[in-house]
N, C-alpha and C. Protein backbone atom coordinates (compact mmCIF):
# COMPACT_ATOMS: atom_id res chain seq x y z
N MET A 1 -89.48 54.32 6.75
CA MET A 1 -89.08 53.26 6.72
C MET A 1 -89.14 52.37 7.66
N GLN A 2 -89.48 50.87 7.46
CA GLN A 2 -90.20 50.20 8.33
C GLN A 2 -89.39 49.80 9.48
N VAL A 3 -89.54 48.89 10.32
CA VAL A 3 -88.43 48.86 11.46
C VAL A 3 -87.84 47.26 10.89
N ILE A 4 -88.35 46.52 10.11
CA ILE A 4 -88.00 45.47 9.21
C ILE A 4 -86.54 45.65 8.37
N GLN A 5 -87.18 46.54 7.66
CA GLN A 5 -86.38 47.22 6.15
C GLN A 5 -85.22 48.13 7.42
N THR A 6 -85.07 48.63 8.14
CA THR A 6 -84.17 49.11 8.83
C THR A 6 -83.32 48.37 9.18
N ALA A 7 -83.61 47.14 9.90
CA ALA A 7 -82.85 45.88 10.46
C ALA A 7 -81.95 45.51 9.22
N GLU A 8 -82.67 45.59 8.41
CA GLU A 8 -82.03 44.46 6.85
C GLU A 8 -80.94 45.40 6.15
N TYR A 9 -81.23 47.07 6.35
CA TYR A 9 -80.32 47.65 5.74
C TYR A 9 -79.12 47.38 6.63
N ALA A 10 -79.08 47.58 8.11
CA ALA A 10 -78.24 47.64 8.59
C ALA A 10 -77.19 46.29 8.99
N ARG A 11 -77.97 44.91 8.77
CA ARG A 11 -77.42 43.83 8.66
C ARG A 11 -76.59 43.70 7.22
N ALA A 12 -77.46 44.66 6.42
CA ALA A 12 -76.53 44.45 4.93
C ALA A 12 -75.34 45.48 4.86
N LEU A 13 -75.37 46.52 5.41
CA LEU A 13 -74.15 47.33 5.63
C LEU A 13 -73.37 46.66 6.34
N TYR A 14 -73.70 46.29 7.46
CA TYR A 14 -72.34 45.26 8.72
C TYR A 14 -71.35 44.64 7.90
N ARG A 15 -72.58 43.77 7.03
CA ARG A 15 -71.60 42.49 6.42
C ARG A 15 -70.52 43.08 5.35
N THR A 16 -71.63 43.99 4.83
CA THR A 16 -70.40 44.74 3.46
C THR A 16 -69.45 45.52 4.13
N HIS A 17 -69.46 46.15 5.03
CA HIS A 17 -68.64 47.29 5.94
C HIS A 17 -68.16 47.00 7.03
N GLY A 18 -68.37 45.76 8.12
CA GLY A 18 -68.05 45.30 8.62
C GLY A 18 -67.89 46.79 9.94
N ASP A 19 -66.95 46.89 10.74
CA ASP A 19 -66.85 47.82 11.82
C ASP A 19 -66.86 49.20 11.00
N ARG A 20 -66.66 49.48 9.79
CA ARG A 20 -67.12 50.87 8.88
C ARG A 20 -68.46 51.04 8.64
N ALA A 21 -69.65 49.95 9.23
CA ALA A 21 -70.96 50.64 8.79
C ALA A 21 -71.69 51.53 9.55
N GLU A 22 -71.18 51.73 10.46
CA GLU A 22 -72.17 52.93 11.05
C GLU A 22 -71.43 54.34 10.62
N ALA A 23 -70.19 53.83 10.15
CA ALA A 23 -69.69 55.39 9.40
C ALA A 23 -70.46 55.78 8.16
N GLU A 24 -70.40 54.59 7.62
CA GLU A 24 -70.71 54.69 6.12
C GLU A 24 -72.55 55.02 6.42
N ALA A 25 -73.12 54.36 7.55
CA ALA A 25 -74.75 54.86 7.49
C ALA A 25 -74.85 56.65 8.04
N ALA A 26 -73.31 56.59 8.78
CA ALA A 26 -73.34 58.46 9.59
C ALA A 26 -73.39 59.09 7.66
N SER A 27 -72.42 59.11 7.10
CA SER A 27 -71.97 59.33 5.81
C SER A 27 -73.19 59.38 5.16
N ARG A 28 -74.03 58.84 4.55
CA ARG A 28 -75.05 58.90 3.55
C ARG A 28 -76.26 59.82 4.66
N GLU A 29 -76.74 59.58 6.51
CA GLU A 29 -77.39 60.55 6.49
C GLU A 29 -76.93 62.20 6.63
N ARG A 30 -75.55 62.30 6.68
CA ARG A 30 -75.17 63.53 6.51
C ARG A 30 -75.73 64.34 5.31
N MET A 31 -75.04 63.36 3.91
CA MET A 31 -75.82 63.75 2.82
C MET A 31 -76.92 64.06 2.49
N CYS A 32 -78.49 62.91 3.39
CA CYS A 32 -79.09 63.38 2.69
C CYS A 32 -79.93 64.73 3.44
N ASP A 33 -79.28 64.87 4.88
CA ASP A 33 -79.74 66.27 5.80
C ASP A 33 -79.16 67.46 4.84
N ALA A 34 -77.84 67.21 4.01
CA ALA A 34 -77.12 68.23 3.48
C ALA A 34 -78.19 68.50 1.97
N ALA A 35 -78.82 67.44 1.80
CA ALA A 35 -79.68 68.07 0.48
C ALA A 35 -81.05 68.09 1.01
N GLY A 36 -81.19 68.23 2.79
CA GLY A 36 -82.67 68.76 2.69
C GLY A 36 -84.05 67.67 2.73
N LYS A 37 -83.57 66.45 2.73
CA LYS A 37 -83.80 65.32 2.69
C LYS A 37 -83.85 64.77 4.16
N ARG A 38 -85.03 65.42 4.89
CA ARG A 38 -84.84 64.84 6.19
C ARG A 38 -85.45 63.88 6.92
N ALA A 39 -86.30 62.87 5.60
CA ALA A 39 -87.10 61.56 6.16
C ALA A 39 -85.77 60.59 6.12
N GLU A 40 -85.30 60.70 4.94
CA GLU A 40 -84.67 60.01 4.69
C GLU A 40 -83.20 60.09 5.51
N ALA A 41 -82.87 61.18 5.86
CA ALA A 41 -81.84 61.66 7.46
C ALA A 41 -82.27 60.82 8.37
N GLU A 42 -83.37 60.74 8.62
CA GLU A 42 -84.20 59.95 9.99
C GLU A 42 -83.82 58.76 9.61
N ASP A 43 -84.29 58.15 8.86
CA ASP A 43 -84.15 56.73 8.19
C ASP A 43 -82.66 56.44 8.40
N TRP A 44 -81.92 56.66 7.75
CA TRP A 44 -80.06 56.76 8.48
C TRP A 44 -79.66 56.62 9.79
N ARG A 45 -80.72 57.88 10.32
CA ARG A 45 -80.18 57.90 11.53
C ARG A 45 -80.52 56.46 12.49
N ALA A 46 -81.82 55.51 11.96
CA ALA A 46 -82.51 54.27 12.58
C ALA A 46 -81.65 53.44 12.24
N VAL A 47 -81.03 53.33 11.54
CA VAL A 47 -79.82 52.53 10.83
C VAL A 47 -78.93 52.32 11.35
N ARG A 48 -78.41 53.35 11.91
CA ARG A 48 -76.97 53.42 12.48
C ARG A 48 -77.13 53.36 13.63
N ARG A 49 -78.62 53.34 14.33
CA ARG A 49 -79.11 52.93 15.77
C ARG A 49 -78.60 51.26 15.44
N ALA A 50 -79.71 51.09 14.78
CA ALA A 50 -79.59 49.32 14.63
C ALA A 50 -77.93 48.65 14.46
N ILE A 51 -77.50 49.46 13.54
CA ILE A 51 -75.78 48.61 13.52
C ILE A 51 -75.14 48.87 14.88
N ARG A 52 -75.20 49.94 15.45
CA ARG A 52 -74.68 50.20 16.63
C ARG A 52 -75.47 48.83 17.91
N SER A 53 -76.45 48.18 17.47
CA SER A 53 -77.24 47.27 18.71
C SER A 53 -76.80 46.04 17.95
N LEU A 54 -76.29 45.75 16.51
CA LEU A 54 -75.54 44.58 16.08
C LEU A 54 -74.31 44.32 16.55
N ARG A 55 -73.70 45.83 16.34
CA ARG A 55 -72.25 45.75 17.23
C ARG A 55 -72.29 45.30 18.09
N GLY A 56 -72.73 45.78 19.23
CA GLY A 56 -72.86 45.50 20.60
C GLY A 56 -73.37 43.87 21.18
N ALA A 57 -74.25 43.46 20.33
CA ALA A 57 -74.52 41.80 20.08
C ALA A 57 -73.66 40.97 19.63
N ASN A 58 -72.51 41.56 18.50
CA ASN A 58 -71.87 40.65 18.11
C ASN A 58 -70.02 41.01 19.01
N GLU A 59 -69.91 41.82 20.22
CA GLU A 59 -68.80 42.12 20.61
C GLU A 59 -69.22 41.08 21.74
N SER A 60 -70.19 40.57 22.16
CA SER A 60 -70.13 39.45 23.42
C SER A 60 -69.46 38.77 23.04
């Protein structure tokens, strides 16, 4: 997943789920890991990091 797409996913999840967005991304990451979809799991880890950055920026 490209950086721009990761940021778009993160913003969409944050808009939809608010403070639960990071937990939602973590859940999807775990599902991908369990299914053996390593590349998708890594994408969701990147989304989680982007959400964490968004939350930090929004808490100021």
